[in-house]
């Protein structure tokens, strides 16, 4: 299974493959929430992030430095002061291949935390959308869909994911003043056949 941590606006940039050390640096619930906020909403200070997260500024600052140490974020130079540092996501997509950690018992815990938190973050995005007030045009344009009747080989599933990724990449370059940020979440995975007899 390959998981894109988050795509940046530069889909042509070669992704950085997450290794065991950087996975351990990211796989923490608060760090993943901070990373998501910087990815979705752009640069912020520890104070602004702590207000949104309901966390202590010192704790958020510590996690920001930890994310920076592992290359996920960087300080936005030329903005703020010595006391008010602005942080932004590094403009490179991150790619995690879970198969890289299958034989590494030291990374299994971090991988489990990462995957569970990633699913929770994606779930939270959907719940936020459902609870927000959007006009009928946007409600009709969005979708919460699933297709449960597909039967594919591993190669066909990989091909389907590649085609969907290419389609989404075409829309990434669209620049129009009438646009709003849009989240596309894709979960595709095999399901074990259940005995119905």
N, C-alpha and C. Protein backbone atom coordinates (compact mmCIF):
# COMPACT_ATOMS: atom_id res chain seq x y z
N UNK A 1 0.85 -1.17 0.00
CA UNK A 1 0.00 0.00 0.00
C UNK A 1 0.89 1.23 0.00
N UNK A 2 0.62 2.15 -0.87
CA UNK A 2 1.34 3.41 -0.92
C UNK A 2 0.41 4.52 -0.50
N UNK A 3 0.86 5.37 0.40
CA UNK A 3 0.05 6.46 0.90
C UNK A 3 0.74 7.77 0.62
N UNK A 4 0.08 8.67 -0.07
CA UNK A 4 0.61 10.02 -0.21
C UNK A 4 0.24 10.74 1.06
N UNK A 5 1.25 11.30 1.75
CA UNK A 5 0.95 12.04 2.98
C UNK A 5 0.06 13.21 2.64
N UNK A 6 0.46 14.04 1.75
CA UNK A 6 -0.35 15.14 1.22
C UNK A 6 0.34 15.61 -0.04
N UNK A 7 -0.42 15.83 -1.07
CA UNK A 7 0.16 16.38 -2.31
C UNK A 7 0.26 17.89 -2.17
N UNK A 8 1.31 18.44 -2.72
CA UNK A 8 1.48 19.90 -2.73
C UNK A 8 1.01 20.42 -4.07
N UNK A 9 0.95 21.75 -4.23
CA UNK A 9 0.51 22.30 -5.51
C UNK A 9 1.47 22.04 -6.68
N UNK A 10 2.62 21.42 -6.43
CA UNK A 10 3.57 21.13 -7.51
C UNK A 10 3.59 19.64 -7.78
N UNK A 11 2.57 19.09 -8.47
CA UNK A 11 2.51 17.64 -8.65
C UNK A 11 3.65 17.07 -9.47
N UNK A 12 4.41 17.91 -10.20
CA UNK A 12 5.51 17.41 -10.99
C UNK A 12 6.77 17.19 -10.15
N UNK A 13 6.79 17.71 -8.92
CA UNK A 13 7.94 17.54 -8.04
C UNK A 13 8.08 16.08 -7.65
N UNK A 14 9.31 15.57 -7.70
CA UNK A 14 9.55 14.18 -7.32
C UNK A 14 9.29 14.02 -5.82
N UNK A 15 8.48 13.04 -5.45
CA UNK A 15 8.16 12.85 -4.03
C UNK A 15 9.38 12.42 -3.22
N UNK A 16 9.38 12.81 -1.96
CA UNK A 16 10.39 12.34 -1.02
C UNK A 16 9.86 11.07 -0.38
N UNK A 17 10.62 10.00 -0.46
CA UNK A 17 10.20 8.73 0.13
C UNK A 17 10.47 8.76 1.63
N UNK A 18 9.45 8.52 2.41
CA UNK A 18 9.58 8.54 3.86
C UNK A 18 10.31 7.29 4.32
N UNK A 19 11.39 7.48 5.09
CA UNK A 19 12.13 6.36 5.65
C UNK A 19 11.71 6.14 7.11
N UNK A 20 12.32 5.15 7.75
CA UNK A 20 11.92 4.80 9.12
C UNK A 20 12.12 5.97 10.09
N UNK A 21 13.22 6.70 9.96
CA UNK A 21 13.50 7.81 10.87
C UNK A 21 12.46 8.92 10.70
N UNK A 22 12.19 9.31 9.45
CA UNK A 22 11.23 10.38 9.24
C UNK A 22 9.80 9.93 9.59
N UNK A 23 9.50 8.65 9.40
CA UNK A 23 8.19 8.14 9.80
C UNK A 23 8.00 8.30 11.30
N UNK A 24 9.02 7.95 12.07
CA UNK A 24 8.93 8.11 13.53
C UNK A 24 8.81 9.59 13.91
N UNK A 25 9.40 10.48 13.10
CA UNK A 25 9.30 11.91 13.36
C UNK A 25 7.92 12.48 13.07
N UNK A 26 7.17 11.87 12.17
CA UNK A 26 5.84 12.36 11.80
C UNK A 26 4.73 11.66 12.57
N UNK A 27 4.93 10.40 12.91
CA UNK A 27 3.87 9.55 13.46
C UNK A 27 3.55 9.89 14.91
N UNK A 28 2.93 11.02 15.10
CA UNK A 28 2.45 11.45 16.41
C UNK A 28 1.15 12.22 16.16
N UNK A 29 0.10 11.95 16.92
CA UNK A 29 -1.19 12.59 16.62
C UNK A 29 -1.12 14.11 16.50
N UNK A 30 -0.45 14.79 17.42
CA UNK A 30 -0.40 16.25 17.36
C UNK A 30 0.46 16.72 16.19
N UNK A 31 1.59 16.06 15.94
CA UNK A 31 2.43 16.47 14.82
C UNK A 31 1.70 16.29 13.50
N UNK A 32 0.93 15.22 13.37
CA UNK A 32 0.19 15.01 12.14
C UNK A 32 -0.90 16.06 11.96
N UNK A 33 -1.53 16.50 13.05
CA UNK A 33 -2.54 17.56 12.96
C UNK A 33 -1.89 18.88 12.58
N UNK A 34 -0.73 19.17 13.18
CA UNK A 34 -0.01 20.40 12.83
C UNK A 34 0.38 20.37 11.36
N UNK A 35 0.94 19.24 10.92
CA UNK A 35 1.37 19.11 9.53
C UNK A 35 0.19 19.29 8.57
N UNK A 36 -0.96 18.72 8.93
CA UNK A 36 -2.14 18.88 8.08
C UNK A 36 -2.58 20.35 8.01
N UNK A 37 -2.58 21.04 9.14
CA UNK A 37 -2.99 22.46 9.14
C UNK A 37 -2.07 23.29 8.27
N UNK A 38 -0.76 23.06 8.36
CA UNK A 38 0.18 23.81 7.53
C UNK A 38 0.02 23.43 6.05
N UNK A 39 -0.32 22.18 5.79
CA UNK A 39 -0.52 21.73 4.40
C UNK A 39 -1.78 22.33 3.80
N UNK A 40 -2.85 22.35 4.56
CA UNK A 40 -4.14 22.81 4.04
C UNK A 40 -4.30 24.33 4.09
N UNK A 41 -3.82 24.95 5.15
CA UNK A 41 -4.11 26.37 5.37
C UNK A 41 -2.91 27.30 5.20
N UNK A 42 -1.75 26.74 4.96
CA UNK A 42 -0.57 27.57 4.74
C UNK A 42 0.16 27.92 6.02
N UNK A 43 1.15 28.80 5.92
CA UNK A 43 2.03 29.13 7.04
C UNK A 43 1.28 29.65 8.26
N UNK A 44 1.87 29.35 9.43
CA UNK A 44 1.28 29.79 10.69
C UNK A 44 2.37 29.85 11.76
N UNK A 45 2.05 30.52 12.85
CA UNK A 45 2.95 30.58 14.01
C UNK A 45 2.49 29.53 15.02
N UNK A 46 3.36 29.25 15.98
CA UNK A 46 3.00 28.32 17.05
C UNK A 46 1.80 28.84 17.83
N UNK A 47 1.73 30.15 18.02
CA UNK A 47 0.61 30.74 18.76
C UNK A 47 -0.71 30.50 18.03
N UNK A 48 -0.71 30.76 16.71
CA UNK A 48 -1.96 30.55 15.95
C UNK A 48 -2.35 29.08 15.93
N UNK A 49 -1.38 28.22 15.75
CA UNK A 49 -1.67 26.78 15.74
C UNK A 49 -2.17 26.31 17.10
N UNK A 50 -1.56 26.80 18.17
CA UNK A 50 -1.98 26.37 19.51
C UNK A 50 -3.42 26.80 19.81
N UNK A 51 -3.80 27.98 19.32
CA UNK A 51 -5.18 28.45 19.51
C UNK A 51 -6.16 27.52 18.80
N UNK A 52 -5.82 27.15 17.57
CA UNK A 52 -6.72 26.27 16.79
C UNK A 52 -6.78 24.86 17.35
N UNK A 53 -5.65 24.40 17.89
CA UNK A 53 -5.56 23.02 18.39
C UNK A 53 -5.98 22.89 19.86
N UNK A 54 -6.07 24.02 20.57
CA UNK A 54 -6.37 23.97 21.99
C UNK A 54 -5.21 23.38 22.79
N UNK A 55 -3.99 23.63 22.34
CA UNK A 55 -2.79 23.10 22.98
C UNK A 55 -1.92 24.24 23.49
N UNK A 56 -1.03 23.93 24.40
CA UNK A 56 -0.06 24.88 24.94
C UNK A 56 0.91 25.31 23.84
N UNK A 57 1.24 26.60 23.78
CA UNK A 57 2.14 27.12 22.75
C UNK A 57 3.52 26.45 22.82
N UNK A 58 4.03 26.21 24.02
CA UNK A 58 5.33 25.55 24.16
C UNK A 58 5.32 24.14 23.59
N UNK A 59 4.24 23.42 23.81
CA UNK A 59 4.11 22.07 23.26
C UNK A 59 4.08 22.11 21.74
N UNK A 60 3.30 23.02 21.18
CA UNK A 60 3.21 23.14 19.72
C UNK A 60 4.56 23.54 19.15
N UNK A 61 5.27 24.45 19.80
CA UNK A 61 6.59 24.86 19.33
C UNK A 61 7.56 23.68 19.29
N UNK A 62 7.51 22.86 20.33
CA UNK A 62 8.38 21.68 20.38
C UNK A 62 8.09 20.75 19.21
N UNK A 63 6.81 20.52 18.92
CA UNK A 63 6.44 19.64 17.82
C UNK A 63 6.79 20.26 16.47
N UNK A 64 6.67 21.57 16.35
CA UNK A 64 7.07 22.24 15.11
C UNK A 64 8.57 22.03 14.85
N UNK A 65 9.39 22.20 15.88
CA UNK A 65 10.83 21.98 15.71
C UNK A 65 11.13 20.53 15.33
N UNK A 66 10.36 19.62 15.89
CA UNK A 66 10.54 18.19 15.59
C UNK A 66 10.20 17.92 14.11
N UNK A 67 9.10 18.48 13.63
CA UNK A 67 8.74 18.33 12.22
C UNK A 67 9.80 18.93 11.31
N UNK A 68 10.35 20.07 11.72
CA UNK A 68 11.39 20.72 10.92
C UNK A 68 12.66 19.88 10.90
N UNK A 69 13.01 19.29 12.02
CA UNK A 69 14.19 18.44 12.11
C UNK A 69 14.11 17.27 11.13
N UNK A 70 12.90 16.79 10.90
CA UNK A 70 12.71 15.65 10.00
C UNK A 70 12.38 16.08 8.56
N UNK A 71 12.43 17.38 8.28
CA UNK A 71 12.30 17.87 6.92
C UNK A 71 10.89 18.00 6.38
N UNK A 72 9.88 17.97 7.26
CA UNK A 72 8.50 18.11 6.79
C UNK A 72 8.07 19.57 6.68
N UNK A 73 8.60 20.41 7.56
CA UNK A 73 8.28 21.83 7.53
C UNK A 73 9.57 22.63 7.63
N UNK A 74 9.44 23.94 7.39
CA UNK A 74 10.59 24.83 7.50
C UNK A 74 10.11 26.19 7.98
N UNK A 75 11.06 26.93 8.55
CA UNK A 75 10.72 28.29 8.96
C UNK A 75 10.59 29.16 7.72
N UNK A 76 9.59 30.03 7.73
CA UNK A 76 9.41 30.96 6.62
C UNK A 76 10.24 32.20 6.94
N UNK A 77 11.41 32.28 6.32
CA UNK A 77 12.33 33.37 6.61
C UNK A 77 11.78 34.69 6.06
N UNK A 78 12.14 35.78 6.74
CA UNK A 78 11.70 37.10 6.32
C UNK A 78 10.30 37.46 6.78
N UNK A 79 9.73 36.61 7.60
CA UNK A 79 8.38 36.87 8.09
C UNK A 79 8.39 36.67 9.60
N UNK A 80 7.76 37.54 10.32
CA UNK A 80 7.69 37.41 11.77
C UNK A 80 8.90 38.01 12.45
N UNK A 81 9.07 37.66 13.72
CA UNK A 81 10.17 38.17 14.53
C UNK A 81 10.87 37.00 15.19
N UNK A 82 11.88 37.30 16.00
CA UNK A 82 12.56 36.21 16.73
C UNK A 82 11.59 35.48 17.66
N UNK A 83 10.65 36.22 18.21
CA UNK A 83 9.68 35.60 19.13
C UNK A 83 8.51 34.99 18.39
N UNK A 84 8.22 35.47 17.19
CA UNK A 84 7.07 34.96 16.41
C UNK A 84 7.59 34.38 15.11
N UNK A 85 7.87 33.08 15.14
CA UNK A 85 8.39 32.40 13.96
C UNK A 85 7.23 31.81 13.16
N UNK A 86 7.29 31.98 11.85
CA UNK A 86 6.29 31.42 10.95
C UNK A 86 6.84 30.13 10.36
N UNK A 87 5.98 29.13 10.29
CA UNK A 87 6.35 27.82 9.78
C UNK A 87 5.49 27.48 8.57
N UNK A 88 6.10 26.79 7.60
CA UNK A 88 5.36 26.33 6.42
C UNK A 88 5.77 24.91 6.08
N UNK A 89 4.92 24.27 5.37
CA UNK A 89 5.19 22.93 4.87
C UNK A 89 6.25 23.01 3.78
N UNK A 90 7.18 22.07 3.77
CA UNK A 90 8.16 22.00 2.70
C UNK A 90 7.42 21.58 1.43
N UNK A 91 7.67 22.27 0.32
CA UNK A 91 6.90 22.09 -0.91
C UNK A 91 7.35 20.88 -1.71
N UNK A 92 7.35 19.72 -1.07
CA UNK A 92 7.67 18.46 -1.75
C UNK A 92 6.65 17.43 -1.27
N UNK A 93 6.03 16.69 -2.19
CA UNK A 93 5.11 15.64 -1.73
C UNK A 93 5.89 14.52 -1.04
N UNK A 94 5.29 13.95 -0.03
CA UNK A 94 5.90 12.84 0.70
C UNK A 94 5.19 11.55 0.32
N UNK A 95 5.97 10.52 0.10
CA UNK A 95 5.40 9.22 -0.27
C UNK A 95 5.84 8.19 0.75
N UNK A 96 4.87 7.43 1.23
CA UNK A 96 5.16 6.38 2.19
C UNK A 96 4.70 5.06 1.59
N UNK A 97 5.59 4.10 1.52
CA UNK A 97 5.24 2.77 1.05
C UNK A 97 5.30 1.85 2.26
N UNK A 98 4.15 1.33 2.68
CA UNK A 98 4.09 0.53 3.90
C UNK A 98 4.92 -0.75 3.78
N UNK A 99 5.15 -1.23 2.56
CA UNK A 99 5.97 -2.43 2.39
C UNK A 99 7.41 -2.21 2.85
N UNK A 100 7.86 -0.96 2.85
CA UNK A 100 9.23 -0.65 3.29
C UNK A 100 9.44 -1.01 4.76
N UNK A 101 8.36 -1.13 5.54
CA UNK A 101 8.48 -1.30 6.98
C UNK A 101 8.00 -2.68 7.46
N UNK A 102 7.62 -3.53 6.52
CA UNK A 102 7.08 -4.84 6.88
C UNK A 102 8.05 -5.67 7.71
N UNK A 103 9.35 -5.61 7.36
CA UNK A 103 10.34 -6.43 8.05
C UNK A 103 11.07 -5.67 9.15
N UNK A 104 10.62 -4.49 9.50
CA UNK A 104 11.29 -3.66 10.50
C UNK A 104 10.42 -3.55 11.75
N UNK A 105 10.67 -4.41 12.76
CA UNK A 105 9.82 -4.38 13.96
C UNK A 105 9.90 -3.05 14.71
N UNK A 106 11.02 -2.33 14.58
CA UNK A 106 11.16 -1.06 15.28
C UNK A 106 10.25 0.03 14.70
N UNK A 107 9.81 -0.15 13.46
CA UNK A 107 8.97 0.87 12.81
C UNK A 107 7.49 0.52 12.82
N UNK A 108 7.14 -0.67 13.23
CA UNK A 108 5.73 -1.09 13.17
C UNK A 108 4.82 -0.21 14.02
N UNK A 109 5.28 0.16 15.21
CA UNK A 109 4.47 1.02 16.07
C UNK A 109 4.22 2.38 15.44
N UNK A 110 5.29 2.97 14.89
CA UNK A 110 5.14 4.27 14.24
C UNK A 110 4.24 4.17 13.02
N UNK A 111 4.38 3.09 12.26
CA UNK A 111 3.53 2.89 11.08
C UNK A 111 2.06 2.76 11.49
N UNK A 112 1.80 2.03 12.55
CA UNK A 112 0.43 1.86 13.03
C UNK A 112 -0.15 3.20 13.48
N UNK A 113 0.61 3.99 14.23
CA UNK A 113 0.13 5.31 14.66
C UNK A 113 -0.14 6.18 13.45
N UNK A 114 0.80 6.20 12.51
CA UNK A 114 0.64 7.03 11.31
C UNK A 114 -0.63 6.67 10.56
N UNK A 115 -0.83 5.37 10.27
CA UNK A 115 -1.99 4.95 9.47
C UNK A 115 -3.31 5.25 10.20
N UNK A 116 -3.36 4.98 11.50
CA UNK A 116 -4.59 5.25 12.25
C UNK A 116 -4.88 6.75 12.32
N UNK A 117 -3.86 7.55 12.52
CA UNK A 117 -4.07 9.00 12.56
C UNK A 117 -4.45 9.54 11.18
N UNK A 118 -3.86 8.99 10.13
CA UNK A 118 -4.20 9.43 8.77
C UNK A 118 -5.67 9.16 8.48
N UNK A 119 -6.13 7.97 8.82
CA UNK A 119 -7.55 7.64 8.62
C UNK A 119 -8.43 8.58 9.44
N UNK A 120 -8.02 8.89 10.68
CA UNK A 120 -8.81 9.79 11.52
C UNK A 120 -8.85 11.20 10.93
N UNK A 121 -7.71 11.69 10.43
CA UNK A 121 -7.68 13.02 9.80
C UNK A 121 -8.61 13.06 8.59
N UNK A 122 -8.59 12.02 7.77
CA UNK A 122 -9.46 11.99 6.59
C UNK A 122 -10.93 11.94 7.01
N UNK A 123 -11.23 11.15 8.02
CA UNK A 123 -12.59 11.08 8.54
C UNK A 123 -13.04 12.45 9.05
N UNK A 124 -12.17 13.12 9.80
CA UNK A 124 -12.50 14.44 10.35
C UNK A 124 -12.78 15.46 9.24
N UNK A 125 -12.05 15.36 8.13
CA UNK A 125 -12.31 16.28 7.00
C UNK A 125 -13.72 16.08 6.46
N UNK A 126 -14.12 14.82 6.32
CA UNK A 126 -15.46 14.53 5.80
C UNK A 126 -16.53 15.04 6.76
N UNK A 127 -16.34 14.79 8.04
CA UNK A 127 -17.32 15.24 9.04
C UNK A 127 -17.42 16.77 9.03
N UNK A 128 -16.29 17.45 8.90
CA UNK A 128 -16.31 18.91 8.83
C UNK A 128 -17.15 19.37 7.63
N UNK A 129 -16.91 18.74 6.47
CA UNK A 129 -17.67 19.09 5.26
C UNK A 129 -19.18 18.86 5.48
N UNK A 130 -19.52 17.72 6.03
CA UNK A 130 -20.93 17.38 6.24
C UNK A 130 -21.60 18.39 7.19
N UNK A 131 -20.86 18.85 8.18
CA UNK A 131 -21.43 19.77 9.17
C UNK A 131 -21.42 21.24 8.74
N UNK A 132 -20.68 21.56 7.69
CA UNK A 132 -20.63 22.96 7.24
C UNK A 132 -21.84 23.30 6.37
N UNK A 133 -22.12 24.59 6.30
CA UNK A 133 -23.25 25.07 5.51
C UNK A 133 -22.75 25.51 4.14
N UNK A 134 -23.04 24.71 3.11
CA UNK A 134 -22.67 25.03 1.73
C UNK A 134 -23.94 25.26 0.93
N UNK A 135 -23.85 26.14 -0.07
CA UNK A 135 -25.04 26.36 -0.89
C UNK A 135 -25.30 25.14 -1.77
N UNK A 136 -26.47 25.11 -2.39
CA UNK A 136 -26.90 23.94 -3.15
C UNK A 136 -25.96 23.59 -4.30
N UNK A 137 -25.38 24.61 -4.94
CA UNK A 137 -24.47 24.34 -6.06
C UNK A 137 -23.25 23.53 -5.60
N UNK A 138 -22.66 23.92 -4.45
CA UNK A 138 -21.52 23.18 -3.93
C UNK A 138 -21.94 21.82 -3.39
N UNK A 139 -23.08 21.75 -2.73
CA UNK A 139 -23.56 20.45 -2.23
C UNK A 139 -23.76 19.47 -3.39
N UNK A 140 -24.31 19.96 -4.50
CA UNK A 140 -24.54 19.09 -5.66
C UNK A 140 -23.23 18.69 -6.33
N UNK A 141 -22.20 19.52 -6.22
CA UNK A 141 -20.92 19.22 -6.87
C UNK A 141 -20.09 18.22 -6.08
N UNK A 142 -20.22 18.23 -4.77
CA UNK A 142 -19.44 17.31 -3.94
C UNK A 142 -20.04 15.91 -3.95
N UNK A 143 -19.29 14.96 -3.45
CA UNK A 143 -19.80 13.59 -3.39
C UNK A 143 -19.16 12.82 -2.25
N UNK A 144 -19.93 11.94 -1.67
CA UNK A 144 -19.44 10.93 -0.75
C UNK A 144 -19.90 9.61 -1.35
N UNK A 145 -19.03 8.97 -2.09
CA UNK A 145 -19.41 7.78 -2.86
C UNK A 145 -18.52 6.60 -2.52
N UNK A 146 -19.05 5.44 -2.75
CA UNK A 146 -18.21 4.25 -2.70
C UNK A 146 -18.71 3.24 -3.71
N UNK A 147 -17.82 2.41 -4.16
CA UNK A 147 -18.12 1.36 -5.11
C UNK A 147 -17.61 0.07 -4.49
N UNK A 148 -18.52 -0.80 -4.12
CA UNK A 148 -18.16 -2.02 -3.39
C UNK A 148 -18.24 -3.28 -4.24
N UNK A 149 -18.60 -3.14 -5.52
CA UNK A 149 -18.81 -4.34 -6.34
C UNK A 149 -17.66 -4.60 -7.31
N UNK A 150 -16.52 -3.91 -7.14
CA UNK A 150 -15.37 -4.14 -8.01
C UNK A 150 -14.66 -5.43 -7.62
N UNK A 151 -14.15 -6.13 -8.63
CA UNK A 151 -13.30 -7.30 -8.40
C UNK A 151 -12.07 -7.11 -9.27
N UNK A 152 -10.91 -6.87 -8.63
CA UNK A 152 -9.70 -6.52 -9.36
C UNK A 152 -8.51 -7.35 -8.92
N UNK A 153 -7.53 -7.43 -9.79
CA UNK A 153 -6.24 -8.00 -9.42
C UNK A 153 -5.39 -6.89 -8.81
N UNK A 154 -4.28 -7.21 -8.15
CA UNK A 154 -3.40 -6.15 -7.64
C UNK A 154 -2.96 -5.19 -8.75
N UNK A 155 -2.64 -5.70 -9.93
CA UNK A 155 -2.20 -4.84 -11.04
C UNK A 155 -3.33 -3.91 -11.49
N UNK A 156 -4.56 -4.42 -11.53
CA UNK A 156 -5.69 -3.58 -11.93
C UNK A 156 -5.97 -2.49 -10.89
N UNK A 157 -5.85 -2.83 -9.61
CA UNK A 157 -6.05 -1.84 -8.56
C UNK A 157 -4.98 -0.75 -8.64
N UNK A 158 -3.74 -1.15 -8.86
CA UNK A 158 -2.65 -0.17 -9.01
C UNK A 158 -2.90 0.72 -10.22
N UNK A 159 -3.38 0.13 -11.33
CA UNK A 159 -3.68 0.89 -12.54
C UNK A 159 -4.82 1.88 -12.30
N UNK A 160 -5.87 1.44 -11.62
CA UNK A 160 -6.99 2.32 -11.30
C UNK A 160 -6.50 3.52 -10.49
N UNK A 161 -5.68 3.26 -9.45
CA UNK A 161 -5.16 4.35 -8.63
C UNK A 161 -4.30 5.30 -9.44
N UNK A 162 -3.48 4.78 -10.36
CA UNK A 162 -2.62 5.63 -11.19
C UNK A 162 -3.47 6.51 -12.11
N UNK A 163 -4.52 5.95 -12.69
CA UNK A 163 -5.39 6.74 -13.57
C UNK A 163 -6.11 7.84 -12.79
N UNK A 164 -6.59 7.53 -11.61
CA UNK A 164 -7.26 8.53 -10.79
C UNK A 164 -6.28 9.63 -10.39
N UNK A 165 -5.07 9.27 -10.05
CA UNK A 165 -4.04 10.25 -9.68
C UNK A 165 -3.73 11.17 -10.86
N UNK A 166 -3.62 10.61 -12.07
CA UNK A 166 -3.38 11.42 -13.26
C UNK A 166 -4.52 12.40 -13.51
N UNK A 167 -5.74 11.95 -13.32
CA UNK A 167 -6.91 12.82 -13.52
C UNK A 167 -6.89 13.98 -12.52
N UNK A 168 -6.61 13.67 -11.26
CA UNK A 168 -6.57 14.71 -10.24
C UNK A 168 -5.44 15.70 -10.53
N UNK A 169 -4.30 15.20 -10.99
CA UNK A 169 -3.16 16.07 -11.31
C UNK A 169 -3.51 17.08 -12.40
N UNK A 170 -4.35 16.70 -13.36
CA UNK A 170 -4.75 17.64 -14.41
C UNK A 170 -5.49 18.84 -13.82
N UNK A 171 -6.26 18.61 -12.78
CA UNK A 171 -7.02 19.70 -12.15
C UNK A 171 -6.17 20.52 -11.19
N UNK A 172 -5.03 20.01 -10.79
CA UNK A 172 -4.17 20.74 -9.85
C UNK A 172 -3.63 22.03 -10.43
N UNK A 173 -3.51 22.09 -11.74
CA UNK A 173 -2.94 23.28 -12.40
C UNK A 173 -3.99 24.35 -12.69
N UNK A 174 -5.26 24.07 -12.42
CA UNK A 174 -6.32 25.03 -12.73
C UNK A 174 -6.19 26.26 -11.84
N UNK A 175 -6.14 27.43 -12.47
CA UNK A 175 -6.09 28.70 -11.75
C UNK A 175 -7.28 29.54 -12.20
N UNK A 176 -8.23 29.72 -11.32
CA UNK A 176 -9.45 30.45 -11.65
C UNK A 176 -9.86 31.23 -10.42
N UNK A 177 -10.24 32.49 -10.55
CA UNK A 177 -10.62 33.28 -9.37
C UNK A 177 -11.88 32.77 -8.67
N UNK A 178 -12.68 31.94 -9.34
CA UNK A 178 -13.91 31.44 -8.73
C UNK A 178 -13.71 30.14 -7.96
N UNK A 179 -12.48 29.67 -7.85
CA UNK A 179 -12.24 28.40 -7.17
C UNK A 179 -12.17 28.56 -5.67
N UNK A 180 -12.44 27.47 -4.96
CA UNK A 180 -12.22 27.37 -3.52
C UNK A 180 -11.37 26.11 -3.31
N UNK A 181 -10.68 26.00 -2.18
CA UNK A 181 -9.91 24.78 -1.94
C UNK A 181 -10.83 23.56 -1.93
N UNK A 182 -10.39 22.50 -2.58
CA UNK A 182 -11.15 21.25 -2.66
C UNK A 182 -10.25 20.11 -2.18
N UNK A 183 -10.79 19.22 -1.38
CA UNK A 183 -10.08 18.04 -0.91
C UNK A 183 -10.62 16.84 -1.67
N UNK A 184 -9.73 16.06 -2.25
CA UNK A 184 -10.11 14.79 -2.87
C UNK A 184 -9.45 13.70 -2.04
N UNK A 185 -10.23 12.83 -1.46
CA UNK A 185 -9.71 11.72 -0.67
C UNK A 185 -10.04 10.43 -1.40
N UNK A 186 -9.05 9.60 -1.53
CA UNK A 186 -9.25 8.33 -2.21
C UNK A 186 -8.76 7.22 -1.29
N UNK A 187 -9.63 6.31 -1.00
CA UNK A 187 -9.25 5.11 -0.28
C UNK A 187 -9.62 3.93 -1.16
N UNK A 188 -8.63 3.16 -1.56
CA UNK A 188 -8.91 1.96 -2.34
C UNK A 188 -8.07 0.83 -1.79
N UNK A 189 -8.72 -0.27 -1.46
CA UNK A 189 -8.01 -1.37 -0.81
C UNK A 189 -8.80 -2.65 -1.01
N UNK A 190 -8.11 -3.78 -0.93
CA UNK A 190 -8.84 -5.06 -1.05
C UNK A 190 -9.65 -5.33 0.21
N UNK A 191 -10.68 -6.12 0.06
CA UNK A 191 -11.53 -6.51 1.17
C UNK A 191 -11.61 -8.03 1.19
N UNK A 192 -11.43 -8.61 2.34
CA UNK A 192 -11.52 -10.08 2.45
C UNK A 192 -12.97 -10.52 2.25
N UNK A 193 -13.13 -11.54 1.45
CA UNK A 193 -14.47 -12.11 1.21
C UNK A 193 -14.97 -12.72 2.52
N UNK A 194 -16.17 -12.38 2.94
CA UNK A 194 -16.75 -12.93 4.16
C UNK A 194 -17.61 -14.15 3.81
N UNK A 195 -17.56 -15.12 4.66
CA UNK A 195 -18.38 -16.32 4.46
C UNK A 195 -19.82 -15.98 4.82
N UNK A 196 -20.71 -16.08 3.84
CA UNK A 196 -22.12 -15.74 4.08
C UNK A 196 -22.96 -16.98 4.34
N UNK A 197 -22.34 -18.14 4.33
CA UNK A 197 -23.10 -19.40 4.51
C UNK A 197 -23.13 -19.80 5.89
